[in-house]
Amino acid sequence: MSGAPERRVYRVDWLPGGDVLDARCHCGARSTQPDPVAVWTWLLDHPRHAAPPPEGGRP
């Protein structure tokens, strides 16, 4: 018998003060965009979206 199925959590938060969404994939990658369709397309494109940048913000 196998264990429980893998649970993936996607998170999209609205950033106050504008029409910007902050998306976070279960792998740790992040994207900030104003278009909700683009946000979900990016999230569901895992693992092909960009990997999270290292600390400091530059690759």
C-alpha atoms as a PDB file:
ATOM      1  CA  MET A   1       0.000   0.000   0.000  1.00  0.00           C
ATOM      2  CA  SER A   2       1.394   3.400  -0.945  1.00  0.00           C
ATOM      3  CA  GLY A   3       1.305   6.514   1.227  1.00  0.00           C
ATOM      4  CA  ALA A   4      -0.970   9.489   0.849  1.00  0.00           C
ATOM      5  CA  PRO A   5      -0.877  11.283  -2.506  1.00  0.00           C
ATOM      6  CA  GLU A   6       1.527  14.190  -2.809  1.00  0.00           C
ATOM      7  CA  ARG A   7      -0.105  17.477  -1.880  1.00  0.00           C
ATOM      8  CA  ARG A   8       0.867  20.542  -3.880  1.00  0.00           C
ATOM      9  CA  VAL A   9       0.002  23.977  -2.596  1.00  0.00           C
ATOM     10  CA  TYR A  10      -0.206  26.956  -4.932  1.00  0.00           C
ATOM     11  CA  ARG A  11      -0.712  30.375  -3.421  1.00  0.00           C
ATOM     12  CA  VAL A  12      -1.860  33.603  -5.072  1.00  0.00           C
ATOM     13  CA  ASP A  13      -2.032  36.776  -2.989  1.00  0.00           C
ATOM     14  CA  TRP A  14      -3.317  40.174  -4.025  1.00  0.00           C
ATOM     15  CA  LEU A  15      -0.836  42.937  -3.223  1.00  0.00           C
ATOM     16  CA  PRO A  16      -2.677  45.949  -1.745  1.00  0.00           C
ATOM     17  CA  GLY A  17      -2.416  49.278  -3.518  1.00  0.00           C
ATOM     18  CA  GLY A  18      -2.787  47.990  -7.069  1.00  0.00           C
ATOM     19  CA  ASP A  19      -3.899  45.175  -9.323  1.00  0.00           C
ATOM     20  CA  VAL A  20      -0.839  42.986  -8.795  1.00  0.00           C
ATOM     21  CA  LEU A  21      -0.894  39.303  -7.828  1.00  0.00           C
ATOM     22  CA  ASP A  22       1.980  37.500  -6.101  1.00  0.00           C
ATOM     23  CA  ALA A  23       2.075  33.797  -7.033  1.00  0.00           C
ATOM     24  CA  ARG A  24       4.053  31.131  -5.188  1.00  0.00           C
ATOM     25  CA  CYS A  25       4.509  27.620  -6.496  1.00  0.00           C
ATOM     26  CA  HIS A  26       4.918  24.589  -4.252  1.00  0.00           C
ATOM     27  CA  CYS A  27       8.575  24.413  -5.418  1.00  0.00           C
ATOM     28  CA  GLY A  28       9.315  27.895  -4.041  1.00  0.00           C
ATOM     29  CA  ALA A  29       9.342  29.812  -7.332  1.00  0.00           C
ATOM     30  CA  ARG A  30       7.574  33.202  -7.300  1.00  0.00           C
ATOM     31  CA  SER A  31       6.090  35.487  -9.913  1.00  0.00           C
ATOM     32  CA  THR A  32       4.366  38.855  -9.616  1.00  0.00           C
ATOM     33  CA  GLN A  33       1.939  39.815 -12.389  1.00  0.00           C
ATOM     34  CA  PRO A  34      -1.278  41.802 -12.862  1.00  0.00           C
ATOM     35  CA  ASP A  35      -3.055  39.198 -15.045  1.00  0.00           C
ATOM     36  CA  PRO A  36      -4.763  36.334 -13.123  1.00  0.00           C
ATOM     37  CA  VAL A  37      -4.808  34.074 -16.200  1.00  0.00           C
ATOM     38  CA  ALA A  38      -1.056  34.567 -16.668  1.00  0.00           C
ATOM     39  CA  VAL A  39      -0.478  33.844 -12.967  1.00  0.00           C
ATOM     40  CA  TRP A  40      -2.321  30.506 -13.089  1.00  0.00           C
ATOM     41  CA  THR A  41      -0.776  29.559 -16.434  1.00  0.00           C
ATOM     42  CA  TRP A  42       2.651  30.188 -14.911  1.00  0.00           C
ATOM     43  CA  LEU A  43       1.823  28.182 -11.760  1.00  0.00           C
ATOM     44  CA  LEU A  44       0.439  25.195 -13.643  1.00  0.00           C
ATOM     45  CA  ASP A  45       3.473  25.173 -15.974  1.00  0.00           C
ATOM     46  CA  HIS A  46       5.563  23.620 -13.163  1.00  0.00           C
ATOM     47  CA  PRO A  47       8.347  22.453 -13.482  1.00  0.00           C
ATOM     48  CA  ARG A  48       9.021  24.490 -16.635  1.00  0.00           C
ATOM     49  CA  HIS A  49       8.702  27.938 -15.031  1.00  0.00           C
ATOM     50  CA  ALA A  50      11.774  29.760 -13.798  1.00  0.00           C
ATOM     51  CA  ALA A  51      13.429  28.439 -10.680  1.00  0.00           C
ATOM     52  CA  PRO A  52      13.440  30.739  -7.648  1.00  0.00           C
ATOM     53  CA  PRO A  53      16.374  33.163  -7.672  1.00  0.00           C
ATOM     54  CA  PRO A  54      19.017  32.733  -4.984  1.00  0.00           C
ATOM     55  CA  GLU A  55      18.956  35.014  -1.937  1.00  0.00           C
ATOM     56  CA  GLY A  56      19.762  38.559  -2.982  1.00  0.00           C
ATOM     57  CA  GLY A  57      17.468  38.450  -6.007  1.00  0.00           C
ATOM     58  CA  ARG A  58      20.050  37.885  -8.778  1.00  0.00           C
ATOM     59  CA  PRO A  59      20.935  34.537 -10.368  1.00  0.00           C
END
